[in-house]
């Protein structure tokens, strides 16, 4: 039952980043076409290299437990998901609202697209928002 899956990420602290990255890498490994749509904090954190960093004591404890268990960090999972074919994308307006020129994010993202294109791409897809 492979299909298209979208993970809309607005938050990028450890818990939401881990949830999206772990489900996304699983989905792409199982043959789904996976898109991570980054917005606001998630976009800034990805570009700044802080995606999935813990915020607060509880997330620091969870992150430390994950390291002891050998669980990949969320950013590493996203990188591996990309290597398997997942795409990291963002809406061009959101990119501009975050203060980035879209052309400057070519290495960080696979594509910056207009909202209408993004909307059409989600037709018939499963979507999760974190």
N, C-alpha and C. Protein backbone atom coordinates (compact mmCIF):
# COMPACT_ATOMS: atom_id res chain seq x y z
N UNK A 1 0.83 -1.18 0.00
CA UNK A 1 0.00 0.00 0.00
C UNK A 1 0.88 1.25 0.00
N UNK A 2 1.89 1.26 -0.81
CA UNK A 2 2.76 2.44 -0.90
C UNK A 2 1.95 3.62 -1.43
N UNK A 3 2.29 4.78 -0.93
CA UNK A 3 1.60 5.98 -1.36
C UNK A 3 2.45 7.19 -1.06
N UNK A 4 1.82 8.35 -1.10
CA UNK A 4 2.51 9.59 -0.83
C UNK A 4 2.17 10.04 0.59
N UNK A 5 3.20 10.44 1.34
CA UNK A 5 3.02 10.85 2.73
C UNK A 5 3.70 12.20 2.95
N UNK A 6 2.99 13.11 3.60
CA UNK A 6 3.52 14.43 3.93
C UNK A 6 3.59 14.60 5.43
N UNK A 7 4.74 15.04 5.89
CA UNK A 7 4.93 15.40 7.28
C UNK A 7 5.11 16.92 7.31
N UNK A 8 4.12 17.63 7.83
CA UNK A 8 4.20 19.08 7.95
C UNK A 8 4.78 19.40 9.31
N UNK A 9 5.97 19.99 9.31
CA UNK A 9 6.69 20.27 10.55
C UNK A 9 6.81 21.77 10.78
N UNK A 10 6.26 22.20 11.89
CA UNK A 10 6.41 23.59 12.29
C UNK A 10 7.33 23.68 13.49
N UNK A 11 7.38 22.65 14.29
CA UNK A 11 8.19 22.63 15.51
C UNK A 11 9.37 21.68 15.31
N UNK A 12 10.49 21.96 15.97
CA UNK A 12 11.70 21.18 15.70
C UNK A 12 12.48 20.78 16.93
N UNK A 13 11.84 20.83 18.11
CA UNK A 13 12.54 20.34 19.28
C UNK A 13 12.54 18.81 19.22
N UNK A 14 13.19 18.18 20.16
CA UNK A 14 13.44 16.74 20.08
C UNK A 14 12.18 15.90 19.83
N UNK A 15 11.14 16.10 20.62
CA UNK A 15 9.97 15.23 20.51
C UNK A 15 9.29 15.29 19.13
N UNK A 16 8.86 16.47 18.65
CA UNK A 16 8.21 16.47 17.33
C UNK A 16 9.17 16.09 16.21
N UNK A 17 10.43 16.49 16.32
CA UNK A 17 11.41 16.14 15.28
C UNK A 17 11.64 14.63 15.24
N UNK A 18 11.75 14.01 16.42
CA UNK A 18 11.95 12.57 16.48
C UNK A 18 10.74 11.84 15.90
N UNK A 19 9.54 12.27 16.30
CA UNK A 19 8.31 11.62 15.83
C UNK A 19 8.22 11.66 14.30
N UNK A 20 8.42 12.83 13.73
CA UNK A 20 8.33 12.96 12.27
C UNK A 20 9.44 12.20 11.56
N UNK A 21 10.66 12.35 12.04
CA UNK A 21 11.80 11.71 11.38
C UNK A 21 11.72 10.20 11.46
N UNK A 22 11.33 9.66 12.62
CA UNK A 22 11.25 8.21 12.75
C UNK A 22 10.13 7.63 11.89
N UNK A 23 8.98 8.29 11.86
CA UNK A 23 7.89 7.80 11.00
C UNK A 23 8.26 7.98 9.53
N UNK A 24 8.88 9.10 9.20
CA UNK A 24 9.23 9.36 7.81
C UNK A 24 10.26 8.40 7.25
N UNK A 25 11.30 8.10 8.03
CA UNK A 25 12.32 7.16 7.54
C UNK A 25 11.72 5.76 7.41
N UNK A 26 10.81 5.43 8.30
CA UNK A 26 10.13 4.13 8.20
C UNK A 26 9.28 4.08 6.94
N UNK A 27 8.53 5.14 6.68
CA UNK A 27 7.65 5.17 5.50
C UNK A 27 8.45 5.08 4.22
N UNK A 28 9.53 5.84 4.09
CA UNK A 28 10.32 5.79 2.86
C UNK A 28 10.99 4.43 2.70
N UNK A 29 11.43 3.84 3.81
CA UNK A 29 12.04 2.51 3.74
C UNK A 29 11.04 1.45 3.31
N UNK A 30 9.76 1.70 3.58
CA UNK A 30 8.70 0.76 3.20
C UNK A 30 8.14 1.05 1.81
N UNK A 31 8.73 2.02 1.11
CA UNK A 31 8.34 2.27 -0.26
C UNK A 31 7.43 3.45 -0.49
N UNK A 32 7.07 4.18 0.54
CA UNK A 32 6.24 5.36 0.35
C UNK A 32 7.05 6.52 -0.21
N UNK A 33 6.37 7.40 -0.91
CA UNK A 33 6.95 8.65 -1.40
C UNK A 33 6.77 9.67 -0.28
N UNK A 34 7.87 10.10 0.34
CA UNK A 34 7.80 10.89 1.56
C UNK A 34 8.29 12.32 1.33
N UNK A 35 7.52 13.27 1.86
CA UNK A 35 7.87 14.68 1.82
C UNK A 35 7.81 15.24 3.24
N UNK A 36 8.86 15.92 3.64
CA UNK A 36 8.88 16.68 4.88
C UNK A 36 8.74 18.14 4.49
N UNK A 37 7.65 18.78 4.93
CA UNK A 37 7.41 20.18 4.62
C UNK A 37 7.80 20.98 5.86
N UNK A 38 8.87 21.74 5.75
CA UNK A 38 9.41 22.49 6.89
C UNK A 38 8.89 23.91 6.89
N UNK A 39 8.44 24.37 8.07
CA UNK A 39 7.95 25.74 8.22
C UNK A 39 8.41 26.31 9.55
N UNK A 40 8.62 27.59 9.57
CA UNK A 40 8.94 28.38 10.75
C UNK A 40 10.05 27.76 11.60
N UNK A 41 9.77 27.37 12.85
CA UNK A 41 10.85 26.87 13.72
C UNK A 41 11.55 25.67 13.10
N UNK A 42 10.81 24.78 12.47
CA UNK A 42 11.43 23.59 11.85
C UNK A 42 12.36 23.99 10.71
N UNK A 43 11.94 24.94 9.90
CA UNK A 43 12.77 25.41 8.80
C UNK A 43 14.03 26.09 9.32
N UNK A 44 13.85 27.01 10.27
CA UNK A 44 15.01 27.70 10.84
C UNK A 44 15.98 26.72 11.50
N UNK A 45 15.44 25.77 12.25
CA UNK A 45 16.30 24.79 12.94
C UNK A 45 17.06 23.93 11.93
N UNK A 46 16.40 23.52 10.86
CA UNK A 46 17.08 22.70 9.85
C UNK A 46 18.22 23.49 9.21
N UNK A 47 17.93 24.71 8.82
CA UNK A 47 18.93 25.55 8.17
C UNK A 47 20.08 25.87 9.14
N UNK A 48 19.76 26.09 10.41
CA UNK A 48 20.77 26.46 11.41
C UNK A 48 21.51 25.26 11.99
N UNK A 49 21.07 24.04 11.65
CA UNK A 49 21.73 22.85 12.19
C UNK A 49 21.32 22.49 13.60
N UNK A 50 20.15 22.96 14.04
CA UNK A 50 19.68 22.64 15.38
C UNK A 50 18.41 21.79 15.39
N UNK A 51 18.05 21.23 14.25
CA UNK A 51 16.84 20.43 14.14
C UNK A 51 16.92 19.23 15.08
N UNK A 52 15.91 19.08 15.93
CA UNK A 52 15.85 17.95 16.84
C UNK A 52 16.60 18.12 18.14
N UNK A 53 17.19 19.30 18.36
CA UNK A 53 17.87 19.52 19.63
C UNK A 53 16.84 19.59 20.75
N UNK A 54 17.16 19.01 21.89
CA UNK A 54 16.20 19.01 23.00
C UNK A 54 15.97 20.39 23.58
N UNK A 55 14.75 20.60 24.05
CA UNK A 55 14.37 21.84 24.72
C UNK A 55 13.78 21.47 26.07
N UNK A 56 14.42 21.84 27.13
CA UNK A 56 13.93 21.53 28.47
C UNK A 56 14.50 20.21 28.99
N UNK A 57 14.34 20.04 30.27
CA UNK A 57 14.93 18.87 30.94
C UNK A 57 14.35 17.54 30.43
N UNK A 58 13.03 17.47 30.26
CA UNK A 58 12.41 16.22 29.80
C UNK A 58 12.98 15.79 28.44
N UNK A 59 13.08 16.72 27.51
CA UNK A 59 13.62 16.37 26.19
C UNK A 59 15.10 16.04 26.27
N UNK A 60 15.83 16.69 27.14
CA UNK A 60 17.25 16.34 27.30
C UNK A 60 17.39 14.91 27.81
N UNK A 61 16.53 14.52 28.75
CA UNK A 61 16.54 13.14 29.26
C UNK A 61 16.17 12.15 28.16
N UNK A 62 15.15 12.46 27.38
CA UNK A 62 14.75 11.58 26.28
C UNK A 62 15.87 11.44 25.25
N UNK A 63 16.50 12.55 24.93
CA UNK A 63 17.61 12.53 23.98
C UNK A 63 18.74 11.66 24.50
N UNK A 64 19.08 11.82 25.77
CA UNK A 64 20.14 11.01 26.38
C UNK A 64 19.77 9.53 26.37
N UNK A 65 18.51 9.21 26.70
CA UNK A 65 18.06 7.81 26.63
C UNK A 65 18.19 7.27 25.21
N UNK A 66 17.80 8.07 24.25
CA UNK A 66 17.91 7.66 22.85
C UNK A 66 19.35 7.36 22.47
N UNK A 67 20.26 8.21 22.89
CA UNK A 67 21.68 7.96 22.59
C UNK A 67 22.15 6.65 23.22
N UNK A 68 21.73 6.40 24.48
CA UNK A 68 22.12 5.14 25.14
C UNK A 68 21.53 3.93 24.42
N UNK A 69 20.35 4.10 23.84
CA UNK A 69 19.71 3.00 23.10
C UNK A 69 20.25 2.86 21.68
N UNK A 70 21.08 3.78 21.26
CA UNK A 70 21.61 3.75 19.91
C UNK A 70 20.64 4.28 18.86
N UNK A 71 19.65 5.06 19.30
CA UNK A 71 18.65 5.64 18.39
C UNK A 71 19.28 6.84 17.69
N UNK A 72 19.11 6.92 16.39
CA UNK A 72 19.63 8.05 15.64
C UNK A 72 18.97 9.36 16.07
N UNK A 73 19.73 10.43 16.01
CA UNK A 73 19.18 11.76 16.27
C UNK A 73 18.23 12.12 15.12
N UNK A 74 17.22 12.95 15.39
CA UNK A 74 16.26 13.31 14.35
C UNK A 74 16.90 13.86 13.07
N UNK A 75 17.89 14.73 13.18
CA UNK A 75 18.52 15.28 11.98
C UNK A 75 19.20 14.18 11.16
N UNK A 76 19.83 13.24 11.83
CA UNK A 76 20.49 12.13 11.14
C UNK A 76 19.45 11.25 10.43
N UNK A 77 18.30 11.03 11.10
CA UNK A 77 17.23 10.25 10.46
C UNK A 77 16.73 10.95 9.21
N UNK A 78 16.59 12.28 9.27
CA UNK A 78 16.14 13.02 8.07
C UNK A 78 17.16 12.89 6.95
N UNK A 79 18.43 12.99 7.30
CA UNK A 79 19.47 12.83 6.27
C UNK A 79 19.40 11.44 5.64
N UNK A 80 19.22 10.42 6.45
CA UNK A 80 19.13 9.06 5.93
C UNK A 80 17.85 8.86 5.12
N UNK A 81 16.75 9.48 5.57
CA UNK A 81 15.50 9.40 4.80
C UNK A 81 15.69 10.05 3.44
N UNK A 82 16.40 11.17 3.39
CA UNK A 82 16.69 11.83 2.11
C UNK A 82 17.52 10.91 1.21
N UNK A 83 18.47 10.23 1.80
CA UNK A 83 19.31 9.31 1.02
C UNK A 83 18.47 8.18 0.43
N UNK A 84 17.35 7.86 1.07
CA UNK A 84 16.45 6.81 0.57
C UNK A 84 15.40 7.37 -0.40
N UNK A 85 15.38 8.71 -0.58
CA UNK A 85 14.45 9.30 -1.54
C UNK A 85 13.45 10.28 -0.98
N UNK A 86 13.38 10.45 0.33
CA UNK A 86 12.47 11.45 0.90
C UNK A 86 12.91 12.84 0.48
N UNK A 87 11.97 13.75 0.41
CA UNK A 87 12.25 15.13 -0.01
C UNK A 87 11.95 16.10 1.12
N UNK A 88 12.82 17.09 1.29
CA UNK A 88 12.61 18.19 2.22
C UNK A 88 12.22 19.40 1.38
N UNK A 89 11.04 19.94 1.66
CA UNK A 89 10.53 21.05 0.87
C UNK A 89 9.97 22.14 1.79
N UNK A 90 9.74 23.31 1.22
CA UNK A 90 9.13 24.41 1.95
C UNK A 90 8.37 25.29 0.98
N UNK A 91 7.39 25.98 1.51
CA UNK A 91 6.62 26.96 0.75
C UNK A 91 7.47 28.21 0.58
N UNK A 92 7.49 28.78 -0.62
CA UNK A 92 8.34 29.95 -0.86
C UNK A 92 7.97 31.14 0.02
N UNK A 93 6.69 31.33 0.30
CA UNK A 93 6.29 32.44 1.16
C UNK A 93 6.80 32.23 2.58
N UNK A 94 6.69 31.01 3.09
CA UNK A 94 7.18 30.71 4.43
C UNK A 94 8.69 30.92 4.51
N UNK A 95 9.39 30.51 3.48
CA UNK A 95 10.84 30.72 3.41
C UNK A 95 11.15 32.20 3.54
N UNK A 96 10.43 33.03 2.80
CA UNK A 96 10.65 34.48 2.83
C UNK A 96 10.25 35.08 4.19
N UNK A 97 9.14 34.58 4.77
CA UNK A 97 8.74 35.06 6.10
C UNK A 97 9.81 34.76 7.15
N UNK A 98 10.52 33.66 6.97
CA UNK A 98 11.60 33.29 7.90
C UNK A 98 12.88 34.06 7.61
N UNK A 99 12.88 34.87 6.55
CA UNK A 99 14.02 35.73 6.27
C UNK A 99 15.06 35.15 5.34
N UNK A 100 14.73 34.08 4.64
CA UNK A 100 15.68 33.45 3.72
C UNK A 100 15.32 33.75 2.27
N UNK A 101 16.31 34.02 1.44
CA UNK A 101 16.02 34.05 0.00
C UNK A 101 15.90 32.60 -0.48
N UNK A 102 14.83 32.25 -1.18
CA UNK A 102 14.62 30.86 -1.58
C UNK A 102 15.82 30.23 -2.29
N UNK A 103 16.51 31.01 -3.13
CA UNK A 103 17.64 30.45 -3.88
C UNK A 103 18.81 30.07 -2.98
N UNK A 104 18.85 30.59 -1.76
CA UNK A 104 19.95 30.29 -0.84
C UNK A 104 19.77 28.95 -0.13
N UNK A 105 18.61 28.31 -0.28
CA UNK A 105 18.34 27.08 0.45
C UNK A 105 18.47 25.82 -0.42
N UNK A 106 19.09 25.96 -1.57
CA UNK A 106 19.22 24.83 -2.48
C UNK A 106 19.87 23.59 -1.88
N UNK A 107 20.87 23.74 -1.05
CA UNK A 107 21.50 22.58 -0.43
C UNK A 107 20.73 22.05 0.76
N UNK A 108 20.10 22.95 1.50
CA UNK A 108 19.37 22.54 2.70
C UNK A 108 18.05 21.86 2.35
N UNK A 109 17.41 22.32 1.30
CA UNK A 109 16.12 21.77 0.88
C UNK A 109 16.22 21.17 -0.51
N UNK A 110 15.31 20.26 -0.78
CA UNK A 110 15.26 19.70 -2.13
C UNK A 110 14.48 20.60 -3.07
N UNK A 111 13.52 21.34 -2.49
CA UNK A 111 12.74 22.24 -3.34
C UNK A 111 12.01 23.28 -2.50
N UNK A 112 11.93 24.48 -3.04
CA UNK A 112 11.09 25.54 -2.50
C UNK A 112 10.02 25.77 -3.56
N UNK A 113 8.76 25.66 -3.15
CA UNK A 113 7.68 25.75 -4.15
C UNK A 113 6.55 26.64 -3.66
N UNK A 114 5.74 27.07 -4.60
CA UNK A 114 4.58 27.87 -4.26
C UNK A 114 3.53 27.04 -3.55
N UNK A 115 2.70 27.72 -2.79
CA UNK A 115 1.68 27.03 -2.01
C UNK A 115 0.69 26.27 -2.90
N UNK A 116 0.34 26.81 -4.05
CA UNK A 116 -0.58 26.11 -4.95
C UNK A 116 0.03 24.79 -5.43
N UNK A 117 1.31 24.79 -5.74
CA UNK A 117 1.98 23.55 -6.17
C UNK A 117 2.03 22.55 -5.03
N UNK A 118 2.33 23.04 -3.85
CA UNK A 118 2.37 22.18 -2.67
C UNK A 118 0.99 21.59 -2.39
N UNK A 119 -0.02 22.40 -2.49
CA UNK A 119 -1.39 21.94 -2.27
C UNK A 119 -1.77 20.84 -3.26
N UNK A 120 -1.45 21.03 -4.52
CA UNK A 120 -1.76 20.01 -5.53
C UNK A 120 -1.02 18.71 -5.26
N UNK A 121 0.21 18.82 -4.80
CA UNK A 121 1.03 17.65 -4.53
C UNK A 121 0.45 16.80 -3.39
N UNK A 122 -0.29 17.42 -2.48
CA UNK A 122 -0.85 16.67 -1.35
C UNK A 122 -2.13 15.91 -1.71
N UNK A 123 -2.67 16.14 -2.91
CA UNK A 123 -3.91 15.49 -3.29
C UNK A 123 -3.77 13.97 -3.21
N UNK A 124 -4.63 13.36 -2.43
CA UNK A 124 -4.65 11.91 -2.28
C UNK A 124 -3.58 11.36 -1.36
N UNK A 125 -2.82 12.24 -0.72
CA UNK A 125 -1.73 11.80 0.14
C UNK A 125 -2.20 11.71 1.60
N UNK A 126 -1.46 10.95 2.37
CA UNK A 126 -1.64 10.96 3.82
C UNK A 126 -0.82 12.13 4.36
N UNK A 127 -1.37 12.84 5.34
CA UNK A 127 -0.66 13.98 5.91
C UNK A 127 -0.64 13.90 7.43
N UNK A 128 0.48 14.29 8.00
CA UNK A 128 0.62 14.38 9.45
C UNK A 128 1.22 15.73 9.76
N UNK A 129 0.76 16.36 10.82
CA UNK A 129 1.24 17.68 11.20
C UNK A 129 1.83 17.61 12.60
N UNK A 130 3.06 18.11 12.72
CA UNK A 130 3.74 18.12 14.02
C UNK A 130 4.36 19.47 14.27
